[in-house]
């Protein structure tokens, strides 16, 4: 596999992650198809270490919202042997659950995403994703 194909494979892992947050059922197959066993996910408000419990971590975070919509830019991938780095920007729209007819402004954020990937016996997997908040509008849940 040439470098262009490897970069595309790694970028697709991140794309699959982002799309799954809004549209797919998150399960162990999803997690193990994208992440290494020792993955680290870092958000501005929390983090999770390791593949165990990763599905539940994401499900709990997403359950705070009625819907979400995540959009990422094309990823910049740099490869060095069996390791790679990835960078992208992301805009995330979070729709609040309705409460007694109360209209609430969506919580929208822009983040700078960095990460790492490693070549495993199962193929390339993301080993770290870190989301750094650049801007936001609206309010998160109380």
N, C-alpha and C. Protein backbone atom coordinates (compact mmCIF):
# COMPACT_ATOMS: atom_id res chain seq x y z
N UNK A 1 0.85 -1.17 0.00
CA UNK A 1 0.00 0.00 0.00
C UNK A 1 0.90 1.24 0.00
N UNK A 2 0.61 2.17 -0.91
CA UNK A 2 1.45 3.37 -0.98
C UNK A 2 0.99 4.41 0.06
N UNK A 3 1.79 5.46 0.21
CA UNK A 3 1.52 6.47 1.25
C UNK A 3 0.17 7.13 1.06
N UNK A 4 -0.23 7.40 -0.16
CA UNK A 4 -1.52 8.04 -0.42
C UNK A 4 -2.66 7.14 0.06
N UNK A 5 -2.55 5.85 -0.17
CA UNK A 5 -3.59 4.91 0.27
C UNK A 5 -3.65 4.82 1.79
N UNK A 6 -2.49 4.81 2.43
CA UNK A 6 -2.44 4.76 3.89
C UNK A 6 -3.07 6.03 4.47
N UNK A 7 -2.73 7.19 3.92
CA UNK A 7 -3.32 8.44 4.39
C UNK A 7 -4.84 8.42 4.24
N UNK A 8 -5.32 7.91 3.12
CA UNK A 8 -6.77 7.82 2.90
C UNK A 8 -7.42 6.87 3.90
N UNK A 9 -6.76 5.76 4.19
CA UNK A 9 -7.29 4.80 5.16
C UNK A 9 -7.40 5.42 6.55
N UNK A 10 -6.39 6.16 6.96
CA UNK A 10 -6.40 6.79 8.28
C UNK A 10 -7.45 7.90 8.33
N UNK A 11 -7.52 8.72 7.29
CA UNK A 11 -8.53 9.79 7.24
C UNK A 11 -9.93 9.19 7.29
N UNK A 12 -10.13 8.05 6.64
CA UNK A 12 -11.44 7.41 6.66
C UNK A 12 -11.82 6.94 8.06
N UNK A 13 -10.85 6.51 8.86
CA UNK A 13 -11.14 6.13 10.24
C UNK A 13 -11.76 7.31 10.99
N UNK A 14 -11.17 8.49 10.81
CA UNK A 14 -11.71 9.67 11.48
C UNK A 14 -13.09 10.03 10.93
N UNK A 15 -13.26 9.96 9.61
CA UNK A 15 -14.57 10.23 9.01
C UNK A 15 -15.63 9.27 9.54
N UNK A 16 -15.29 8.00 9.65
CA UNK A 16 -16.24 7.01 10.17
C UNK A 16 -16.60 7.32 11.62
N UNK A 17 -15.64 7.77 12.41
CA UNK A 17 -15.92 8.17 13.78
C UNK A 17 -16.92 9.31 13.82
N UNK A 18 -16.65 10.36 13.06
CA UNK A 18 -17.50 11.55 13.07
C UNK A 18 -18.92 11.22 12.61
N UNK A 19 -19.05 10.50 11.52
CA UNK A 19 -20.38 10.14 11.02
C UNK A 19 -21.14 9.26 12.00
N UNK A 20 -20.45 8.37 12.64
CA UNK A 20 -21.11 7.45 13.58
C UNK A 20 -21.71 8.19 14.76
N UNK A 21 -21.12 9.30 15.16
CA UNK A 21 -21.65 10.04 16.30
C UNK A 21 -23.09 10.48 16.06
N UNK A 22 -23.44 10.75 14.83
CA UNK A 22 -24.77 11.26 14.50
C UNK A 22 -25.72 10.21 13.94
N UNK A 23 -25.20 9.19 13.27
CA UNK A 23 -26.07 8.35 12.46
C UNK A 23 -26.00 6.85 12.74
N UNK A 24 -25.00 6.38 13.41
CA UNK A 24 -24.82 4.93 13.56
C UNK A 24 -25.06 4.48 14.99
N UNK A 25 -25.29 3.21 15.13
CA UNK A 25 -25.36 2.61 16.46
C UNK A 25 -23.93 2.34 16.92
N UNK A 26 -23.56 2.92 18.03
CA UNK A 26 -22.22 2.73 18.55
C UNK A 26 -22.18 1.42 19.31
N UNK A 27 -21.29 0.53 18.90
CA UNK A 27 -21.16 -0.77 19.56
C UNK A 27 -19.69 -1.18 19.56
N UNK A 28 -19.41 -2.34 20.12
CA UNK A 28 -18.02 -2.80 20.22
C UNK A 28 -17.37 -2.98 18.85
N UNK A 29 -18.13 -3.46 17.88
CA UNK A 29 -17.59 -3.63 16.53
C UNK A 29 -17.15 -2.28 15.96
N UNK A 30 -18.00 -1.26 16.17
CA UNK A 30 -17.65 0.09 15.75
C UNK A 30 -16.35 0.53 16.42
N UNK A 31 -16.26 0.40 17.73
CA UNK A 31 -15.09 0.86 18.47
C UNK A 31 -13.82 0.14 18.02
N UNK A 32 -13.88 -1.16 17.91
CA UNK A 32 -12.69 -1.94 17.57
C UNK A 32 -12.29 -1.79 16.10
N UNK A 33 -13.24 -1.36 15.26
CA UNK A 33 -12.94 -1.11 13.86
C UNK A 33 -12.26 0.22 13.61
N UNK A 34 -12.26 1.10 14.61
CA UNK A 34 -11.71 2.44 14.45
C UNK A 34 -10.52 2.69 15.37
N UNK A 35 -10.58 2.16 16.60
CA UNK A 35 -9.62 2.54 17.64
C UNK A 35 -8.70 1.40 18.06
N UNK A 36 -7.51 1.77 18.54
CA UNK A 36 -6.59 0.82 19.15
C UNK A 36 -7.08 0.50 20.56
N UNK A 37 -6.56 -0.57 21.13
CA UNK A 37 -6.99 -0.99 22.47
C UNK A 37 -6.64 0.05 23.54
N UNK A 38 -5.58 0.82 23.31
CA UNK A 38 -5.14 1.79 24.32
C UNK A 38 -5.52 3.23 23.96
N UNK A 39 -6.58 3.39 23.21
CA UNK A 39 -7.00 4.71 22.72
C UNK A 39 -7.22 5.70 23.86
N UNK A 40 -6.93 6.95 23.59
CA UNK A 40 -7.20 8.05 24.51
C UNK A 40 -8.05 9.08 23.76
N UNK A 41 -9.22 9.39 24.31
CA UNK A 41 -10.10 10.42 23.75
C UNK A 41 -10.12 11.58 24.73
N UNK A 42 -9.80 12.80 24.26
CA UNK A 42 -9.74 13.97 25.12
C UNK A 42 -10.65 15.07 24.59
N UNK A 43 -11.69 15.39 25.36
CA UNK A 43 -12.57 16.52 25.07
C UNK A 43 -12.27 17.61 26.09
N UNK A 44 -12.71 18.85 25.83
CA UNK A 44 -12.47 19.92 26.80
C UNK A 44 -13.07 19.64 28.18
N UNK A 45 -14.14 18.83 28.26
CA UNK A 45 -14.82 18.61 29.54
C UNK A 45 -14.57 17.23 30.15
N UNK A 46 -13.99 16.30 29.39
CA UNK A 46 -13.75 14.95 29.92
C UNK A 46 -12.81 14.19 29.01
N UNK A 47 -12.37 13.04 29.48
CA UNK A 47 -11.54 12.16 28.66
C UNK A 47 -11.83 10.71 29.00
N UNK A 48 -11.40 9.82 28.10
CA UNK A 48 -11.57 8.38 28.32
C UNK A 48 -10.32 7.67 27.84
N UNK A 49 -9.82 6.75 28.66
CA UNK A 49 -8.64 5.94 28.33
C UNK A 49 -9.05 4.51 28.04
N UNK A 50 -8.61 3.96 26.92
CA UNK A 50 -8.79 2.55 26.61
C UNK A 50 -10.08 2.24 25.87
N UNK A 51 -10.06 1.11 25.19
CA UNK A 51 -11.21 0.68 24.39
C UNK A 51 -12.37 0.23 25.28
N UNK A 52 -12.05 -0.34 26.45
CA UNK A 52 -13.11 -0.80 27.35
C UNK A 52 -13.91 0.38 27.87
N UNK A 53 -15.20 0.33 27.70
CA UNK A 53 -16.08 1.39 28.16
C UNK A 53 -16.20 2.56 27.19
N UNK A 54 -15.50 2.51 26.07
CA UNK A 54 -15.52 3.62 25.11
C UNK A 54 -16.91 3.83 24.51
N UNK A 55 -17.60 2.75 24.20
CA UNK A 55 -18.96 2.86 23.64
C UNK A 55 -19.87 3.56 24.63
N UNK A 56 -19.85 3.10 25.87
CA UNK A 56 -20.72 3.67 26.90
C UNK A 56 -20.37 5.14 27.16
N UNK A 57 -19.10 5.47 27.12
CA UNK A 57 -18.65 6.85 27.30
C UNK A 57 -19.31 7.76 26.24
N UNK A 58 -19.25 7.33 24.99
CA UNK A 58 -19.85 8.12 23.91
C UNK A 58 -21.38 8.14 24.00
N UNK A 59 -21.98 7.01 24.31
CA UNK A 59 -23.43 6.96 24.42
C UNK A 59 -23.94 7.89 25.51
N UNK A 60 -23.26 7.92 26.64
CA UNK A 60 -23.67 8.80 27.74
C UNK A 60 -23.56 10.26 27.32
N UNK A 61 -22.47 10.64 26.67
CA UNK A 61 -22.29 12.02 26.24
C UNK A 61 -23.35 12.41 25.20
N UNK A 62 -23.61 11.55 24.25
CA UNK A 62 -24.58 11.87 23.21
C UNK A 62 -26.01 11.89 23.73
N UNK A 63 -26.29 11.15 24.79
CA UNK A 63 -27.66 11.11 25.34
C UNK A 63 -28.08 12.43 25.97
N UNK A 64 -27.12 13.32 26.22
CA UNK A 64 -27.44 14.64 26.77
C UNK A 64 -28.16 15.50 25.73
N UNK A 65 -28.17 15.08 24.49
CA UNK A 65 -28.71 15.89 23.40
C UNK A 65 -29.84 15.15 22.68
N UNK A 66 -30.79 15.92 22.13
CA UNK A 66 -31.84 15.33 21.32
C UNK A 66 -31.25 14.84 19.99
N UNK A 67 -30.35 15.62 19.42
CA UNK A 67 -29.66 15.27 18.18
C UNK A 67 -28.32 15.98 18.17
N UNK A 68 -27.43 15.48 17.37
CA UNK A 68 -26.16 16.15 17.12
C UNK A 68 -25.87 16.10 15.62
N UNK A 69 -25.03 17.01 15.18
CA UNK A 69 -24.59 17.00 13.79
C UNK A 69 -23.15 17.49 13.76
N UNK A 70 -22.25 16.58 13.41
CA UNK A 70 -20.82 16.88 13.40
C UNK A 70 -20.33 16.92 11.95
N UNK A 71 -19.56 17.95 11.62
CA UNK A 71 -19.01 18.10 10.28
C UNK A 71 -17.53 18.39 10.42
N UNK A 72 -16.70 17.60 9.74
CA UNK A 72 -15.26 17.82 9.82
C UNK A 72 -14.69 18.20 8.46
N UNK A 73 -13.56 18.90 8.51
CA UNK A 73 -12.84 19.22 7.28
C UNK A 73 -12.06 18.00 6.83
N UNK A 74 -11.49 18.12 5.67
CA UNK A 74 -10.58 17.07 5.21
C UNK A 74 -9.44 16.96 6.21
N UNK A 75 -9.00 15.76 6.48
CA UNK A 75 -7.94 15.52 7.45
C UNK A 75 -6.56 15.62 6.80
N UNK A 76 -5.62 16.17 7.54
CA UNK A 76 -4.23 16.20 7.13
C UNK A 76 -3.53 15.08 7.89
N UNK A 77 -3.00 14.12 7.17
CA UNK A 77 -2.38 12.94 7.77
C UNK A 77 -0.89 12.93 7.42
N UNK A 78 -0.05 12.72 8.43
CA UNK A 78 1.40 12.57 8.24
C UNK A 78 1.81 11.21 8.77
N UNK A 79 2.56 10.48 7.98
CA UNK A 79 2.95 9.10 8.34
C UNK A 79 4.44 9.05 8.62
N UNK A 80 4.79 8.30 9.65
CA UNK A 80 6.18 8.02 9.97
C UNK A 80 6.27 6.57 10.43
N UNK A 81 6.60 5.68 9.52
CA UNK A 81 6.67 4.25 9.83
C UNK A 81 5.31 3.68 10.18
N UNK A 82 5.20 3.09 11.38
CA UNK A 82 3.94 2.48 11.84
C UNK A 82 3.11 3.43 12.68
N UNK A 83 3.41 4.71 12.60
CA UNK A 83 2.67 5.72 13.35
C UNK A 83 2.28 6.85 12.41
N UNK A 84 1.22 7.55 12.77
CA UNK A 84 0.78 8.67 11.97
C UNK A 84 0.11 9.70 12.86
N UNK A 85 0.07 10.94 12.38
CA UNK A 85 -0.69 11.99 13.06
C UNK A 85 -1.79 12.46 12.12
N UNK A 86 -2.84 13.00 12.73
CA UNK A 86 -3.97 13.49 11.96
C UNK A 86 -4.41 14.82 12.54
N UNK A 87 -4.81 15.74 11.65
CA UNK A 87 -5.32 17.05 12.08
C UNK A 87 -6.53 17.40 11.24
N UNK A 88 -7.51 18.03 11.87
CA UNK A 88 -8.71 18.48 11.16
C UNK A 88 -9.44 19.51 12.01
N UNK A 89 -10.37 20.20 11.41
CA UNK A 89 -11.28 21.08 12.14
C UNK A 89 -12.66 20.44 12.14
N UNK A 90 -13.45 20.76 13.15
CA UNK A 90 -14.79 20.19 13.25
C UNK A 90 -15.76 21.25 13.77
N UNK A 91 -16.95 21.26 13.19
CA UNK A 91 -18.05 22.05 13.71
C UNK A 91 -19.11 21.07 14.20
N UNK A 92 -19.60 21.28 15.41
CA UNK A 92 -20.57 20.38 16.01
C UNK A 92 -21.80 21.16 16.46
N UNK A 93 -22.96 20.69 16.02
CA UNK A 93 -24.23 21.28 16.43
C UNK A 93 -24.89 20.30 17.39
N UNK A 94 -25.30 20.81 18.56
CA UNK A 94 -25.94 20.00 19.59
C UNK A 94 -27.34 20.56 19.84
N UNK A 95 -28.36 19.74 19.64
CA UNK A 95 -29.75 20.18 19.80
C UNK A 95 -30.23 19.73 21.18
N UNK A 96 -30.69 20.68 21.97
CA UNK A 96 -31.18 20.38 23.32
C UNK A 96 -32.46 19.56 23.27
N UNK A 97 -32.68 18.74 24.29
CA UNK A 97 -33.96 18.08 24.48
C UNK A 97 -35.00 19.16 24.78
N UNK A 98 -36.22 18.96 24.30
CA UNK A 98 -37.28 19.93 24.58
C UNK A 98 -37.72 19.82 26.03
N UNK A 99 -38.01 20.98 26.61
CA UNK A 99 -38.52 21.02 27.99
C UNK A 99 -39.72 21.95 28.03
N UNK A 100 -40.91 21.39 28.17
CA UNK A 100 -42.15 22.16 28.34
C UNK A 100 -42.26 23.32 27.35
N UNK A 101 -42.01 23.03 26.08
CA UNK A 101 -42.16 24.03 25.05
C UNK A 101 -41.11 25.12 25.04
N UNK A 102 -40.11 25.00 25.87
CA UNK A 102 -39.04 26.00 25.95
C UNK A 102 -38.11 25.88 24.73
N UNK A 103 -37.96 26.97 24.00
CA UNK A 103 -37.04 26.99 22.87
C UNK A 103 -35.66 27.36 23.38
N UNK A 104 -34.69 26.51 23.10
CA UNK A 104 -33.33 26.78 23.55
C UNK A 104 -32.40 26.81 22.34
N UNK A 105 -31.52 27.78 22.35
CA UNK A 105 -30.54 27.92 21.27
C UNK A 105 -29.65 26.68 21.24
N UNK A 106 -29.38 26.20 20.03
CA UNK A 106 -28.46 25.06 19.90
C UNK A 106 -27.09 25.42 20.47
N UNK A 107 -26.41 24.43 20.99
CA UNK A 107 -25.02 24.60 21.41
C UNK A 107 -24.17 24.21 20.20
N UNK A 108 -23.40 25.15 19.68
CA UNK A 108 -22.59 24.91 18.49
C UNK A 108 -21.14 25.22 18.84
N UNK A 109 -20.24 24.35 18.42
CA UNK A 109 -18.84 24.56 18.73
C UNK A 109 -17.95 24.28 17.53
N UNK A 110 -16.83 24.96 17.52
CA UNK A 110 -15.78 24.71 16.54
C UNK A 110 -14.56 24.19 17.28
N UNK A 111 -14.03 23.09 16.83
CA UNK A 111 -12.87 22.50 17.51
C UNK A 111 -11.76 22.20 16.51
N UNK A 112 -10.56 22.22 17.04
CA UNK A 112 -9.36 21.79 16.32
C UNK A 112 -9.06 20.39 16.83
N UNK A 113 -9.02 19.44 15.93
CA UNK A 113 -8.83 18.03 16.31
C UNK A 113 -7.43 17.59 15.92
N UNK A 114 -6.72 16.98 16.88
CA UNK A 114 -5.45 16.34 16.59
C UNK A 114 -5.55 14.89 17.05
N UNK A 115 -4.76 14.06 16.45
CA UNK A 115 -4.79 12.66 16.85
C UNK A 115 -3.59 11.90 16.37
N UNK A 116 -3.56 10.66 16.80
CA UNK A 116 -2.51 9.73 16.40
C UNK A 116 -3.16 8.45 15.91
N UNK A 117 -2.46 7.77 15.04
CA UNK A 117 -2.89 6.45 14.57
C UNK A 117 -1.68 5.52 14.61
N UNK A 118 -1.96 4.24 14.78
CA UNK A 118 -0.90 3.23 14.80
C UNK A 118 -1.31 2.07 13.91
N UNK A 119 -0.30 1.44 13.32
CA UNK A 119 -0.55 0.23 12.53
C UNK A 119 -0.61 -0.95 13.50
N UNK A 120 -1.71 -1.67 13.49
CA UNK A 120 -1.88 -2.82 14.36
C UNK A 120 -2.01 -4.07 13.52
N UNK A 121 -2.14 -5.23 14.15
CA UNK A 121 -2.35 -6.46 13.40
C UNK A 121 -3.73 -6.49 12.74
N UNK A 122 -4.61 -5.56 13.11
CA UNK A 122 -5.95 -5.44 12.49
C UNK A 122 -5.98 -4.32 11.46
N UNK A 123 -4.84 -3.69 11.18
CA UNK A 123 -4.77 -2.55 10.27
C UNK A 123 -4.56 -1.28 11.07
N UNK A 124 -4.66 -0.15 10.41
CA UNK A 124 -4.48 1.14 11.08
C UNK A 124 -5.65 1.41 12.01
N UNK A 125 -5.35 1.97 13.19
CA UNK A 125 -6.38 2.33 14.16
C UNK A 125 -6.00 3.66 14.80
N UNK A 126 -7.00 4.46 15.13
CA UNK A 126 -6.76 5.70 15.86
C UNK A 126 -6.39 5.38 17.30
N UNK A 127 -5.31 5.97 17.79
CA UNK A 127 -4.88 5.70 19.17
C UNK A 127 -5.09 6.91 20.08
N UNK A 128 -5.36 8.07 19.49
CA UNK A 128 -5.64 9.27 20.29
C UNK A 128 -6.42 10.25 19.44
N UNK A 129 -7.43 10.86 20.05
CA UNK A 129 -8.11 12.01 19.47
C UNK A 129 -8.24 13.06 20.55
N UNK A 130 -7.86 14.29 20.23
CA UNK A 130 -7.93 15.38 21.18
C UNK A 130 -8.68 16.54 20.51
N UNK A 131 -9.70 17.04 21.20
CA UNK A 131 -10.56 18.09 20.67
C UNK A 131 -10.32 19.36 21.47
N UNK A 132 -9.79 20.38 20.82
CA UNK A 132 -9.51 21.67 21.47
C UNK A 132 -10.54 22.68 21.00
N UNK A 133 -11.28 23.25 21.95
CA UNK A 133 -12.33 24.21 21.65
C UNK A 133 -11.73 25.50 21.11
N UNK A 134 -12.23 25.95 19.95
CA UNK A 134 -11.81 27.23 19.36
C UNK A 134 -12.88 28.29 19.64
N UNK A 135 -14.16 27.93 19.47
CA UNK A 135 -15.26 28.87 19.68
C UNK A 135 -16.53 28.09 20.02
N UNK A 136 -17.53 28.80 20.56
CA UNK A 136 -18.81 28.16 20.87
C UNK A 136 -19.89 29.23 20.91
N UNK A 137 -21.13 28.80 20.67
CA UNK A 137 -22.31 29.63 20.86
C UNK A 137 -23.35 28.79 21.57
N UNK A 138 -24.27 29.42 22.26
CA UNK A 138 -25.28 28.68 23.02
C UNK A 138 -24.68 28.14 24.31
N UNK A 139 -25.48 27.32 24.99
CA UNK A 139 -25.05 26.78 26.28
C UNK A 139 -25.18 25.27 26.30
N UNK A 140 -24.25 24.59 26.94
CA UNK A 140 -24.38 23.14 27.11
C UNK A 140 -25.51 22.85 28.12
N UNK A 141 -25.91 21.59 28.26
CA UNK A 141 -26.95 21.26 29.24
C UNK A 141 -26.51 21.67 30.64
N UNK A 142 -27.49 21.99 31.47
CA UNK A 142 -27.18 22.37 32.87
C UNK A 142 -26.64 21.20 33.64
